[in-house]
Amino acid sequence: MLDVATIIVYCGGYIFLVFLSVCLATGLYYLAELVEEYTKLAKRIITYSTQGVLILHLLVLVIDRLPLKCVAAGVAAHLCYLGQLKRYPFMQLWSPVTAGSIGFLILSNVLWGMHFWRDSWQSLEYIFGFLFLTTWIVPFSLFLSVTANESVLPGGANASRTFSSSSSNLAGADARRKPGKSKNILLYCFGLLKKKRDEVILPEVNNLMPGMVKNQQHRY
């Protein structure tokens, strides 16, 4: 039989996860908007991040003597990411570079997982922290960059631009983007989460504190 303290812990944990997911969705939406608005800066940051992760792979190979096959898979994946950045923000889903990126990403996760499971007994915090910097941060950034990719597709707000030059397309992506158009599925999902959050939370706030809500509305 569960005691009261255990019930409180489970309830508090589930409520914490709900609030954490809402905060995460809001933060991802904000990052996606920034990537869509500042394409050149996003490319520069992702490029530097990829180069930094490659240096980390070499350091853990030389200093920490981690398995060569794990490091090699990670290096191959990030070299594919650099290949994708050459035409950033344009990304072709069925290109060999994209297929190589996905394949080496999966292989890198499998190899690192096998290493930590069999050869190294580390805490979950250690493993997640290591994998986040060496394996996940760059593909996660490229995933957010899908917003910039779709905003410059033909038929959107930037349909007048051509594929003649990657650099000229990159400059035009920042200069000619019009707000409110060509929102992609990623931003739509984040916006839908925010809308559902407001629909659930605001009625409860209105019922609990109607006077405070009315005063806030009068201010605006």
N, C-alpha and C. Protein backbone atom coordinates (compact mmCIF):
# COMPACT_ATOMS: atom_id res chain seq x y z
N MET A 1 0.84 -1.20 0.00
CA MET A 1 0.00 0.00 0.00
C MET A 1 0.88 1.24 0.00
N LEU A 2 0.55 2.17 -0.89
CA LEU A 2 1.34 3.38 -0.99
C LEU A 2 1.00 4.34 0.14
N ASP A 3 2.02 4.98 0.67
CA ASP A 3 1.78 5.98 1.70
C ASP A 3 1.52 7.34 1.04
N VAL A 4 1.16 8.32 1.83
CA VAL A 4 0.80 9.65 1.31
C VAL A 4 2.00 10.32 0.66
N ALA A 5 3.17 10.19 1.26
CA ALA A 5 4.36 10.84 0.72
C ALA A 5 4.68 10.32 -0.69
N THR A 6 4.52 9.01 -0.90
CA THR A 6 4.80 8.45 -2.22
C THR A 6 3.81 8.98 -3.25
N ILE A 7 2.54 9.08 -2.87
CA ILE A 7 1.53 9.63 -3.78
C ILE A 7 1.86 11.07 -4.14
N ILE A 8 2.29 11.84 -3.15
CA ILE A 8 2.67 13.24 -3.40
C ILE A 8 3.85 13.30 -4.37
N VAL A 9 4.82 12.42 -4.18
CA VAL A 9 5.99 12.43 -5.06
C VAL A 9 5.60 12.12 -6.50
N TYR A 10 4.74 11.12 -6.71
CA TYR A 10 4.32 10.76 -8.06
C TYR A 10 3.51 11.90 -8.70
N CYS A 11 2.59 12.47 -7.94
CA CYS A 11 1.78 13.57 -8.48
C CYS A 11 2.64 14.77 -8.81
N GLY A 12 3.55 15.11 -7.90
CA GLY A 12 4.45 16.23 -8.16
C GLY A 12 5.35 15.99 -9.36
N GLY A 13 5.82 14.74 -9.52
CA GLY A 13 6.67 14.42 -10.66
C GLY A 13 5.93 14.55 -11.98
N TYR A 14 4.69 14.07 -12.06
CA TYR A 14 3.92 14.18 -13.29
C TYR A 14 3.59 15.64 -13.61
N ILE A 15 3.24 16.43 -12.60
CA ILE A 15 2.96 17.85 -12.83
C ILE A 15 4.22 18.57 -13.30
N PHE A 16 5.36 18.21 -12.72
CA PHE A 16 6.63 18.81 -13.16
C PHE A 16 6.92 18.47 -14.62
N LEU A 17 6.64 17.24 -15.05
CA LEU A 17 6.86 16.86 -16.44
C LEU A 17 5.95 17.64 -17.38
N VAL A 18 4.71 17.89 -16.95
CA VAL A 18 3.79 18.68 -17.78
C VAL A 18 4.31 20.09 -17.97
N PHE A 19 4.71 20.74 -16.87
CA PHE A 19 5.25 22.09 -16.97
C PHE A 19 6.55 22.11 -17.77
N LEU A 20 7.38 21.08 -17.61
CA LEU A 20 8.63 21.02 -18.36
C LEU A 20 8.37 20.88 -19.85
N SER A 21 7.39 20.07 -20.24
CA SER A 21 7.07 19.92 -21.67
C SER A 21 6.53 21.21 -22.26
N VAL A 22 5.71 21.94 -21.49
CA VAL A 22 5.19 23.23 -21.98
C VAL A 22 6.33 24.23 -22.17
N CYS A 23 7.22 24.31 -21.19
CA CYS A 23 8.37 25.21 -21.31
C CYS A 23 9.27 24.82 -22.48
N LEU A 24 9.46 23.52 -22.68
CA LEU A 24 10.30 23.06 -23.78
C LEU A 24 9.68 23.42 -25.12
N ALA A 25 8.37 23.22 -25.26
CA ALA A 25 7.70 23.56 -26.52
C ALA A 25 7.78 25.05 -26.81
N THR A 26 7.60 25.87 -25.76
CA THR A 26 7.69 27.32 -25.94
C THR A 26 9.10 27.73 -26.34
N GLY A 27 10.11 27.14 -25.69
CA GLY A 27 11.49 27.47 -26.03
C GLY A 27 11.86 27.05 -27.44
N LEU A 28 11.40 25.87 -27.87
CA LEU A 28 11.67 25.41 -29.22
C LEU A 28 11.00 26.31 -30.25
N TYR A 29 9.80 26.75 -29.96
CA TYR A 29 9.11 27.67 -30.87
C TYR A 29 9.90 28.97 -31.02
N TYR A 30 10.40 29.48 -29.91
CA TYR A 30 11.18 30.72 -29.96
C TYR A 30 12.47 30.52 -30.75
N LEU A 31 13.16 29.41 -30.53
CA LEU A 31 14.39 29.14 -31.28
C LEU A 31 14.11 28.98 -32.77
N ALA A 32 13.01 28.31 -33.11
CA ALA A 32 12.67 28.14 -34.51
C ALA A 32 12.39 29.49 -35.17
N GLU A 33 11.74 30.40 -34.46
CA GLU A 33 11.49 31.73 -34.99
C GLU A 33 12.80 32.48 -35.20
N LEU A 34 13.74 32.35 -34.27
CA LEU A 34 15.03 33.03 -34.42
C LEU A 34 15.80 32.49 -35.63
N VAL A 35 15.78 31.16 -35.80
CA VAL A 35 16.48 30.57 -36.94
C VAL A 35 15.87 31.04 -38.25
N GLU A 36 14.55 31.14 -38.29
CA GLU A 36 13.88 31.58 -39.51
C GLU A 36 14.17 33.05 -39.80
N GLU A 37 14.35 33.83 -38.77
CA GLU A 37 14.55 35.27 -38.95
C GLU A 37 16.00 35.63 -39.24
N TYR A 38 16.95 34.90 -38.66
CA TYR A 38 18.37 35.21 -38.81
C TYR A 38 19.09 34.00 -39.40
N THR A 39 18.92 33.81 -40.70
CA THR A 39 19.44 32.61 -41.35
C THR A 39 20.96 32.59 -41.41
N LYS A 40 21.57 33.72 -41.77
CA LYS A 40 23.02 33.76 -41.88
C LYS A 40 23.70 33.53 -40.54
N LEU A 41 23.16 34.15 -39.49
CA LEU A 41 23.73 33.95 -38.16
C LEU A 41 23.56 32.51 -37.71
N ALA A 42 22.41 31.90 -38.02
CA ALA A 42 22.19 30.50 -37.65
C ALA A 42 23.19 29.59 -38.35
N LYS A 43 23.45 29.86 -39.64
CA LYS A 43 24.43 29.04 -40.36
C LYS A 43 25.81 29.17 -39.73
N ARG A 44 26.18 30.38 -39.35
CA ARG A 44 27.51 30.59 -38.75
C ARG A 44 27.63 29.85 -37.43
N ILE A 45 26.58 29.93 -36.61
CA ILE A 45 26.61 29.26 -35.30
C ILE A 45 26.68 27.74 -35.47
N ILE A 46 25.88 27.20 -36.39
CA ILE A 46 25.88 25.75 -36.61
C ILE A 46 27.23 25.29 -37.15
N THR A 47 27.82 26.09 -38.04
CA THR A 47 29.14 25.72 -38.59
C THR A 47 30.19 25.68 -37.50
N TYR A 48 30.24 26.71 -36.66
CA TYR A 48 31.21 26.73 -35.56
C TYR A 48 30.94 25.60 -34.58
N SER A 49 29.68 25.31 -34.32
CA SER A 49 29.35 24.22 -33.40
C SER A 49 29.81 22.87 -33.95
N THR A 50 29.62 22.67 -35.25
CA THR A 50 30.05 21.42 -35.87
C THR A 50 31.56 21.27 -35.81
N GLN A 51 32.27 22.34 -36.10
CA GLN A 51 33.74 22.29 -36.02
C GLN A 51 34.20 22.04 -34.59
N GLY A 52 33.52 22.65 -33.62
CA GLY A 52 33.87 22.42 -32.22
C GLY A 52 33.64 20.99 -31.79
N VAL A 53 32.54 20.38 -32.27
CA VAL A 53 32.25 18.99 -31.92
C VAL A 53 33.28 18.06 -32.55
N LEU A 54 33.74 18.37 -33.76
CA LEU A 54 34.79 17.57 -34.39
C LEU A 54 36.08 17.61 -33.55
N ILE A 55 36.40 18.79 -33.03
CA ILE A 55 37.57 18.90 -32.16
C ILE A 55 37.38 18.08 -30.89
N LEU A 56 36.17 18.08 -30.34
CA LEU A 56 35.90 17.27 -29.15
C LEU A 56 36.10 15.79 -29.43
N HIS A 57 35.69 15.35 -30.61
CA HIS A 57 35.90 13.93 -30.96
C HIS A 57 37.38 13.58 -30.98
N LEU A 58 38.18 14.47 -31.53
CA LEU A 58 39.62 14.20 -31.57
C LEU A 58 40.22 14.20 -30.16
N LEU A 59 39.72 15.08 -29.30
CA LEU A 59 40.25 15.14 -27.93
C LEU A 59 39.92 13.87 -27.14
N VAL A 60 38.67 13.40 -27.26
CA VAL A 60 38.31 12.19 -26.51
C VAL A 60 39.01 10.96 -27.07
N LEU A 61 39.40 11.01 -28.34
CA LEU A 61 40.15 9.89 -28.91
C LEU A 61 41.60 9.89 -28.44
N VAL A 62 42.23 11.07 -28.43
CA VAL A 62 43.66 11.15 -28.08
C VAL A 62 43.87 11.12 -26.58
N ILE A 63 43.06 11.86 -25.83
CA ILE A 63 43.29 12.00 -24.39
C ILE A 63 42.60 10.89 -23.59
N ASP A 64 41.31 10.69 -23.86
CA ASP A 64 40.54 9.71 -23.08
C ASP A 64 40.61 8.29 -23.64
N ARG A 65 41.17 8.12 -24.82
CA ARG A 65 41.33 6.80 -25.43
C ARG A 65 39.99 6.08 -25.59
N LEU A 66 38.95 6.83 -26.02
CA LEU A 66 37.66 6.20 -26.27
C LEU A 66 37.72 5.41 -27.57
N PRO A 67 36.79 4.46 -27.77
CA PRO A 67 36.87 3.56 -28.94
C PRO A 67 36.92 4.31 -30.26
N LEU A 68 37.79 3.85 -31.14
CA LEU A 68 37.99 4.49 -32.44
C LEU A 68 36.73 4.42 -33.30
N LYS A 69 36.01 3.29 -33.24
CA LYS A 69 34.83 3.15 -34.08
C LYS A 69 33.73 4.13 -33.68
N CYS A 70 33.60 4.41 -32.39
CA CYS A 70 32.60 5.40 -31.95
C CYS A 70 32.98 6.80 -32.42
N VAL A 71 34.24 7.14 -32.26
CA VAL A 71 34.71 8.46 -32.69
C VAL A 71 34.61 8.59 -34.20
N ALA A 72 34.96 7.55 -34.94
CA ALA A 72 34.92 7.60 -36.40
C ALA A 72 33.50 7.81 -36.90
N ALA A 73 32.53 7.14 -36.28
CA ALA A 73 31.13 7.33 -36.69
C ALA A 73 30.67 8.75 -36.42
N GLY A 74 31.07 9.30 -35.27
CA GLY A 74 30.70 10.67 -34.96
C GLY A 74 31.34 11.67 -35.91
N VAL A 75 32.60 11.47 -36.23
CA VAL A 75 33.29 12.36 -37.16
C VAL A 75 32.65 12.29 -38.54
N ALA A 76 32.32 11.09 -39.01
CA ALA A 76 31.67 10.95 -40.31
C ALA A 76 30.32 11.66 -40.34
N ALA A 77 29.56 11.54 -39.26
CA ALA A 77 28.25 12.21 -39.21
C ALA A 77 28.41 13.72 -39.28
N HIS A 78 29.36 14.28 -38.56
CA HIS A 78 29.52 15.74 -38.54
C HIS A 78 30.15 16.25 -39.84
N LEU A 79 30.92 15.44 -40.52
CA LEU A 79 31.39 15.83 -41.85
C LEU A 79 30.21 15.90 -42.82
N CYS A 80 29.25 15.00 -42.67
CA CYS A 80 28.04 15.08 -43.48
C CYS A 80 27.23 16.33 -43.14
N TYR A 81 27.20 16.71 -41.87
CA TYR A 81 26.51 17.94 -41.49
C TYR A 81 27.17 19.15 -42.15
N LEU A 82 28.49 19.17 -42.19
CA LEU A 82 29.19 20.26 -42.87
C LEU A 82 28.85 20.28 -44.36
N GLY A 83 28.68 19.11 -44.96
CA GLY A 83 28.27 19.06 -46.36
C GLY A 83 26.89 19.64 -46.57
N GLN A 84 25.99 19.42 -45.63
CA GLN A 84 24.66 20.01 -45.73
C GLN A 84 24.69 21.53 -45.58
N LEU A 85 25.61 22.03 -44.79
CA LEU A 85 25.68 23.48 -44.55
C LEU A 85 26.18 24.25 -45.77
N LYS A 86 26.75 23.57 -46.76
CA LYS A 86 27.23 24.28 -47.94
C LYS A 86 26.10 24.94 -48.71
N ARG A 87 24.90 24.34 -48.66
CA ARG A 87 23.75 24.91 -49.36
C ARG A 87 22.69 25.39 -48.38
N TYR A 88 23.08 25.61 -47.17
CA TYR A 88 22.15 26.07 -46.14
C TYR A 88 21.54 27.41 -46.55
N PRO A 89 20.25 27.64 -46.36
CA PRO A 89 19.26 26.81 -45.66
C PRO A 89 18.54 25.79 -46.53
N PHE A 90 19.01 25.60 -47.79
CA PHE A 90 18.36 24.63 -48.66
C PHE A 90 18.86 23.23 -48.32
N MET A 91 17.92 22.31 -48.06
CA MET A 91 18.27 20.94 -47.73
C MET A 91 17.39 20.00 -48.53
N GLN A 92 18.02 19.03 -49.17
CA GLN A 92 17.30 18.04 -49.94
C GLN A 92 17.16 16.76 -49.12
N LEU A 93 15.93 16.34 -48.94
CA LEU A 93 15.66 15.21 -48.05
C LEU A 93 16.26 13.92 -48.58
N TRP A 94 16.27 13.74 -49.91
CA TRP A 94 16.70 12.46 -50.48
C TRP A 94 18.09 12.54 -51.06
N SER A 95 18.88 13.54 -50.68
CA SER A 95 20.24 13.64 -51.19
C SER A 95 21.16 12.65 -50.47
N PRO A 96 22.28 12.25 -51.10
CA PRO A 96 23.22 11.33 -50.44
C PRO A 96 23.78 11.88 -49.13
N VAL A 97 23.98 13.22 -49.08
CA VAL A 97 24.51 13.82 -47.85
C VAL A 97 23.52 13.67 -46.70
N THR A 98 22.24 13.91 -46.99
CA THR A 98 21.22 13.76 -45.94
C THR A 98 21.09 12.30 -45.50
N ALA A 99 21.12 11.39 -46.46
CA ALA A 99 21.06 9.97 -46.11
C ALA A 99 22.26 9.56 -45.27
N GLY A 100 23.45 10.06 -45.65
CA GLY A 100 24.63 9.76 -44.85
C GLY A 100 24.56 10.35 -43.46
N SER A 101 24.00 11.57 -43.34
CA SER A 101 23.86 12.19 -42.03
C SER A 101 22.98 11.36 -41.11
N ILE A 102 21.83 10.93 -41.64
CA ILE A 102 20.90 10.14 -40.84
C ILE A 102 21.52 8.78 -40.48
N GLY A 103 22.15 8.16 -41.47
CA GLY A 103 22.74 6.85 -41.21
C GLY A 103 23.85 6.89 -40.18
N PHE A 104 24.77 7.85 -40.32
CA PHE A 104 25.87 7.94 -39.36
C PHE A 104 25.38 8.42 -37.99
N LEU A 105 24.32 9.22 -37.96
CA LEU A 105 23.75 9.62 -36.67
C LEU A 105 23.22 8.41 -35.91
N ILE A 106 22.47 7.56 -36.60
CA ILE A 106 21.95 6.35 -35.97
C ILE A 106 23.10 5.44 -35.54
N LEU A 107 24.08 5.27 -36.43
CA LEU A 107 25.22 4.40 -36.11
C LEU A 107 26.00 4.94 -34.91
N SER A 108 26.19 6.26 -34.85
CA SER A 108 26.92 6.86 -33.74
C SER A 108 26.20 6.64 -32.41
N ASN A 109 24.87 6.82 -32.42
CA ASN A 109 24.10 6.58 -31.19
C ASN A 109 24.18 5.13 -30.76
N VAL A 110 24.11 4.21 -31.72
CA VAL A 110 24.18 2.78 -31.38
C VAL A 110 25.54 2.43 -30.80
N LEU A 111 26.60 2.91 -31.44
CA LEU A 111 27.95 2.56 -30.98
C LEU A 111 28.24 3.17 -29.60
N TRP A 112 27.88 4.44 -29.41
CA TRP A 112 28.10 5.03 -28.09
C TRP A 112 27.25 4.34 -27.02
N GLY A 113 26.02 3.98 -27.39
CA GLY A 113 25.18 3.26 -26.43
C GLY A 113 25.77 1.92 -26.03
N MET A 114 26.29 1.19 -27.00
CA MET A 114 26.93 -0.09 -26.70
C MET A 114 28.17 0.10 -25.85
N HIS A 115 28.92 1.18 -26.13
CA HIS A 115 30.13 1.44 -25.33
C HIS A 115 29.77 1.72 -23.88
N PHE A 116 28.81 2.61 -23.65
CA PHE A 116 28.46 2.96 -22.27
C PHE A 116 27.76 1.80 -21.56
N TRP A 117 27.06 0.96 -22.32
CA TRP A 117 26.33 -0.14 -21.70
C TRP A 117 27.26 -1.28 -21.30
N ARG A 118 28.27 -1.56 -22.15
CA ARG A 118 29.11 -2.73 -21.91
C ARG A 118 30.42 -2.39 -21.20
N ASP A 119 31.06 -1.31 -21.65
CA ASP A 119 32.43 -1.04 -21.22
C ASP A 119 32.57 0.06 -20.18
N SER A 120 31.54 0.84 -19.99
CA SER A 120 31.67 1.98 -19.07
C SER A 120 30.41 2.12 -18.25
N TRP A 121 30.57 2.03 -16.95
CA TRP A 121 29.43 2.16 -16.04
C TRP A 121 29.35 3.60 -15.54
N GLN A 122 28.58 4.42 -16.24
CA GLN A 122 28.43 5.82 -15.91
C GLN A 122 26.96 6.12 -15.59
N SER A 123 26.73 7.23 -14.90
CA SER A 123 25.37 7.64 -14.57
C SER A 123 24.65 8.14 -15.82
N LEU A 124 23.33 8.18 -15.74
CA LEU A 124 22.55 8.69 -16.86
C LEU A 124 22.86 10.14 -17.16
N GLU A 125 23.12 10.93 -16.11
CA GLU A 125 23.47 12.33 -16.33
C GLU A 125 24.76 12.45 -17.12
N TYR A 126 25.72 11.62 -16.81
CA TYR A 126 27.00 11.62 -17.53
C TYR A 126 26.78 11.25 -19.00
N ILE A 127 26.00 10.19 -19.24
CA ILE A 127 25.79 9.72 -20.61
C ILE A 127 25.03 10.74 -21.43
N PHE A 128 23.94 11.29 -20.88
CA PHE A 128 23.15 12.26 -21.63
C PHE A 128 23.94 13.53 -21.89
N GLY A 129 24.72 13.97 -20.92
CA GLY A 129 25.55 15.16 -21.13
C GLY A 129 26.59 14.95 -22.22
N PHE A 130 27.20 13.78 -22.22
CA PHE A 130 28.20 13.46 -23.24
C PHE A 130 27.57 13.38 -24.63
N LEU A 131 26.46 12.64 -24.73
CA LEU A 131 25.82 12.47 -26.03
C LEU A 131 25.22 13.77 -26.54
N PHE A 132 24.76 14.63 -25.65
CA PHE A 132 24.16 15.89 -26.11
C PHE A 132 25.17 16.75 -26.85
N LEU A 133 26.38 16.85 -26.30
CA LEU A 133 27.39 17.70 -26.93
C LEU A 133 28.07 17.03 -28.12
N THR A 134 28.28 15.73 -28.06
CA THR A 134 29.05 15.07 -29.11
C THR A 134 28.18 14.48 -30.23
N THR A 135 26.89 14.29 -29.99
CA THR A 135 26.06 13.57 -30.96
C THR A 135 24.78 14.29 -31.34
N TRP A 136 24.13 14.98 -30.40
CA TRP A 136 22.77 15.46 -30.65
C TRP A 136 22.67 16.94 -30.98
N ILE A 137 23.58 17.78 -30.50
CA ILE A 137 23.36 19.22 -30.58
C ILE A 137 23.33 19.73 -32.02
N VAL A 138 24.20 19.22 -32.89
CA VAL A 138 24.23 19.70 -34.27
C VAL A 138 23.03 19.22 -35.07
N PRO A 139 22.67 17.91 -35.06
CA PRO A 139 21.46 17.51 -35.79
C PRO A 139 20.20 18.17 -35.24
N PHE A 140 20.16 18.44 -33.94
CA PHE A 140 19.02 19.17 -33.38
C PHE A 140 18.95 20.58 -33.96
N SER A 141 20.09 21.23 -34.11
CA SER A 141 20.11 22.57 -34.72
C SER A 141 19.67 22.52 -36.17
N LEU A 142 20.09 21.50 -36.90
CA LEU A 142 19.65 21.35 -38.29
C LEU A 142 18.16 21.07 -38.37
N PHE A 143 17.63 20.34 -37.39
CA PHE A 143 16.19 20.09 -37.36
C PHE A 143 15.41 21.38 -37.19
N LEU A 144 15.88 22.26 -36.31
CA LEU A 144 15.24 23.56 -36.15
C LEU A 144 15.37 24.40 -37.41
N SER A 145 16.42 24.18 -38.18
CA SER A 145 16.65 24.96 -39.39
C SER A 145 15.69 24.59 -40.51
N VAL A 146 14.87 23.56 -40.33
CA VAL A 146 13.85 23.25 -41.32
C VAL A 146 12.91 24.43 -41.51
N THR A 147 12.74 25.26 -40.49
CA THR A 147 11.90 26.45 -40.61
C THR A 147 12.45 27.39 -41.66
N ALA A 148 13.77 27.62 -41.63
CA ALA A 148 14.38 28.49 -42.63
C ALA A 148 14.35 27.85 -44.01
N ASN A 149 14.50 26.53 -44.05
CA ASN A 149 14.50 25.82 -45.33
C ASN A 149 13.17 25.98 -46.04
N GLU A 150 12.05 25.78 -45.34
CA GLU A 150 10.76 25.84 -45.98
C GLU A 150 10.32 27.26 -46.28
N SER A 151 10.87 28.24 -45.57
CA SER A 151 10.47 29.62 -45.82
C SER A 151 11.04 30.17 -47.11
N VAL A 152 12.01 29.49 -47.71
CA VAL A 152 12.56 29.95 -48.98
C VAL A 152 12.26 28.99 -50.12
N LEU A 153 11.29 28.09 -49.93
CA LEU A 153 10.92 27.17 -51.00
C LEU A 153 10.12 27.91 -52.08
N PRO A 154 10.14 27.44 -53.33
CA PRO A 154 9.32 28.06 -54.37
C PRO A 154 7.85 28.02 -54.01
N GLY A 155 7.16 29.11 -54.27
CA GLY A 155 5.75 29.21 -53.92
C GLY A 155 5.52 29.89 -52.61
N GLY A 156 6.57 30.15 -51.82
CA GLY A 156 6.43 30.85 -50.55
C GLY A 156 6.68 32.31 -50.73
N ALA A 157 7.07 32.95 -49.62
CA ALA A 157 7.29 34.39 -49.67
C ALA A 157 8.53 34.74 -50.45
N ASN A 158 9.43 33.78 -50.63
CA ASN A 158 10.69 34.05 -51.32
C ASN A 158 10.77 33.32 -52.65
N ALA A 159 9.66 33.14 -53.32
CA ALA A 159 9.64 32.36 -54.55
C ALA A 159 10.40 33.04 -55.68
N SER A 160 10.62 34.34 -55.61
CA SER A 160 11.29 35.05 -56.69
C SER A 160 12.78 34.77 -56.73
N ARG A 161 13.34 34.20 -55.65
CA ARG A 161 14.78 33.92 -55.66
C ARG A 161 15.06 32.64 -56.42
N THR A 162 16.24 32.47 -56.91
CA THR A 162 16.64 31.31 -57.68
C THR A 162 17.74 30.57 -56.95
N PHE A 163 18.09 29.40 -57.51
CA PHE A 163 19.13 28.56 -56.93
C PHE A 163 20.49 28.85 -57.54
N SER A 164 20.67 29.96 -58.22
CA SER A 164 21.90 30.20 -58.95
C SER A 164 23.11 30.30 -58.05
N SER A 165 22.96 30.92 -56.89
CA SER A 165 24.10 31.11 -56.00
C SER A 165 23.67 30.87 -54.58
N SER A 166 24.42 30.03 -53.87
CA SER A 166 24.07 29.74 -52.48
C SER A 166 24.22 30.96 -51.60
N SER A 167 25.26 31.75 -51.82
CA SER A 167 25.47 32.92 -50.99
C SER A 167 24.42 33.99 -51.22
N SER A 168 24.02 34.20 -52.49
CA SER A 168 23.00 35.21 -52.76
C SER A 168 21.65 34.77 -52.22
N ASN A 169 21.37 33.45 -52.30
CA ASN A 169 20.13 32.95 -51.71
C ASN A 169 20.12 33.15 -50.20
N LEU A 170 21.27 32.94 -49.58
CA LEU A 170 21.37 33.08 -48.13
C LEU A 170 21.13 34.51 -47.70
N ALA A 171 21.68 35.48 -48.46
CA ALA A 171 21.45 36.88 -48.13
C ALA A 171 20.00 37.25 -48.35
N GLY A 172 19.40 36.74 -49.43
CA GLY A 172 18.01 37.07 -49.70
C GLY A 172 17.06 36.47 -48.70
N ALA A 173 17.45 35.34 -48.09
CA ALA A 173 16.58 34.70 -47.11
C ALA A 173 16.36 35.59 -45.91
N ASP A 174 17.36 36.40 -45.55
CA ASP A 174 17.21 37.31 -44.43
C ASP A 174 16.56 38.62 -44.85
N ALA A 175 16.89 39.08 -46.07
CA ALA A 175 16.48 40.42 -46.46
C ALA A 175 15.03 40.47 -46.92
N ARG A 176 14.52 39.41 -47.57
CA ARG A 176 13.22 39.48 -48.20
C ARG A 176 12.13 38.71 -47.49
N ARG A 177 12.45 38.07 -46.40
CA ARG A 177 11.44 37.28 -45.72
C ARG A 177 10.36 38.17 -45.17
N LYS A 178 9.12 37.82 -45.42
CA LYS A 178 7.98 38.59 -44.93
C LYS A 178 7.36 37.85 -43.76
N PRO A 179 7.11 38.52 -42.66
CA PRO A 179 6.54 37.84 -41.49
C PRO A 179 5.12 37.38 -41.77
N GLY A 180 4.78 36.26 -41.14
CA GLY A 180 3.41 35.78 -41.23
C GLY A 180 3.15 34.84 -42.38
N LYS A 181 4.15 34.60 -43.24
CA LYS A 181 3.94 33.73 -44.38
C LYS A 181 4.87 32.53 -44.29
N SER A 182 4.49 31.52 -45.06
CA SER A 182 5.30 30.31 -45.23
C SER A 182 5.73 29.70 -43.91
N LYS A 183 4.82 29.64 -42.96
CA LYS A 183 5.10 28.96 -41.71
C LYS A 183 5.09 27.46 -41.94
N ASN A 184 6.07 26.77 -41.46
CA ASN A 184 6.17 25.35 -41.75
C ASN A 184 5.49 24.53 -40.68
N ILE A 185 5.55 23.23 -40.85
CA ILE A 185 4.84 22.33 -39.95
C ILE A 185 5.42 22.37 -38.55
N LEU A 186 6.73 22.63 -38.43
CA LEU A 186 7.36 22.69 -37.11
C LEU A 186 6.82 23.85 -36.30
N LEU A 187 6.81 25.05 -36.91
CA LEU A 187 6.26 26.20 -36.21
C LEU A 187 4.77 26.03 -35.94
N TYR A 188 4.07 25.38 -36.88
CA TYR A 188 2.63 25.17 -36.67
C TYR A 188 2.38 24.29 -35.45
N CYS A 189 3.20 23.24 -35.30
CA CYS A 189 3.03 22.35 -34.14
C CYS A 189 3.33 23.07 -32.84
N PHE A 190 4.43 23.86 -32.81
CA PHE A 190 4.76 24.61 -31.61
C PHE A 190 3.66 25.63 -31.28
N GLY A 191 3.16 26.32 -32.33
CA GLY A 191 2.08 27.28 -32.11
C GLY A 191 0.82 26.62 -31.61
N LEU A 192 0.53 25.41 -32.11
CA LEU A 192 -0.65 24.68 -31.65
C LEU A 192 -0.51 24.29 -30.19
N LEU A 193 0.69 23.91 -29.77
CA LEU A 193 0.91 23.59 -28.36
C LEU A 193 0.69 24.80 -27.47
N LYS A 194 1.19 25.95 -27.91
CA LYS A 194 0.99 27.17 -27.13
C LYS A 194 -0.50 27.52 -27.05
N LYS A 195 -1.21 27.35 -28.17
CA LYS A 195 -2.64 27.66 -28.18
C LYS A 195 -3.41 26.76 -27.23
N LYS A 196 -3.10 25.45 -27.27
CA LYS A 196 -3.76 24.51 -26.37
C LYS A 196 -3.44 24.81 -24.91
N ARG A 197 -2.19 25.23 -24.67
CA ARG A 197 -1.81 25.58 -23.30
C ARG A 197 -2.66 26.74 -22.80
N ASP A 198 -2.83 27.76 -23.64
CA ASP A 198 -3.64 28.92 -23.24
C ASP A 198 -5.10 28.55 -23.05
N GLU A 199 -5.60 27.63 -23.91
CA GLU A 199 -7.00 27.23 -23.77
C GLU A 199 -7.25 26.47 -22.49
N VAL A 200 -6.25 25.75 -22.00
CA VAL A 200 -6.42 24.95 -20.78
C VAL A 200 -6.17 25.79 -19.53
N ILE A 201 -5.10 26.63 -19.57
CA ILE A 201 -4.68 27.33 -18.36
C ILE A 201 -5.52 28.58 -18.11
N LEU A 202 -5.78 29.38 -19.14
CA LEU A 202 -6.47 30.65 -18.93
C LEU A 202 -7.87 30.50 -18.34
N PRO A 203 -8.71 29.54 -18.78
CA PRO A 203 -10.02 29.39 -18.12
C PRO A 203 -9.91 29.09 -16.63
N GLU A 204 -8.89 28.27 -16.25
CA GLU A 204 -8.71 27.98 -14.83
C GLU A 204 -8.30 29.23 -14.07
N VAL A 205 -7.45 30.04 -14.68
CA VAL A 205 -7.04 31.29 -14.04
C VAL A 205 -8.23 32.23 -13.91
N ASN A 206 -9.09 32.28 -14.92
CA ASN A 206 -10.28 33.14 -14.86
C ASN A 206 -11.22 32.72 -13.74
N ASN A 207 -11.34 31.41 -13.52
CA ASN A 207 -12.21 30.93 -12.45
C ASN A 207 -11.63 31.18 -11.07
N LEU A 208 -10.32 31.06 -10.94
CA LEU A 208 -9.69 31.21 -9.64
C LEU A 208 -9.49 32.67 -9.26
N MET A 209 -9.06 33.48 -10.22
CA MET A 209 -8.73 34.88 -9.94
C MET A 209 -9.37 35.80 -10.97
N PRO A 210 -10.69 35.90 -10.98
CA PRO A 210 -11.33 36.72 -12.01
C PRO A 210 -10.99 38.19 -11.88
N GLY A 211 -10.88 38.66 -10.66
CA GLY A 211 -10.57 40.08 -10.47
C GLY A 211 -9.19 40.45 -10.99
N MET A 212 -8.21 39.61 -10.73
CA MET A 212 -6.85 39.89 -11.19
C MET A 212 -6.76 39.88 -12.71
N VAL A 213 -7.46 38.95 -13.35
CA VAL A 213 -7.43 38.87 -14.80
C VAL A 213 -8.06 40.08 -15.43
N LYS A 214 -9.18 40.54 -14.85
CA LYS A 214 -9.85 41.72 -15.39
C LYS A 214 -8.96 42.94 -15.27
N ASN A 215 -8.25 43.08 -14.16
CA ASN A 215 -7.36 44.22 -14.00
C ASN A 215 -6.22 44.17 -15.03
N GLN A 216 -5.70 42.99 -15.27
CA GLN A 216 -4.64 42.87 -16.27
C GLN A 216 -5.16 43.22 -17.66
N GLN A 217 -6.41 42.84 -17.98
CA GLN A 217 -6.97 43.16 -19.28
C GLN A 217 -7.18 44.65 -19.45
N HIS A 218 -7.58 45.33 -18.39
CA HIS A 218 -7.80 46.78 -18.48
C HIS A 218 -6.49 47.52 -18.72
N ARG A 219 -5.40 46.98 -18.20
CA ARG A 219 -4.10 47.63 -18.40
C ARG A 219 -3.71 47.66 -19.87
N TYR A 220 -4.05 46.61 -20.60
CA TYR A 220 -3.68 46.51 -22.01
C TYR A 220 -4.78 47.02 -22.92
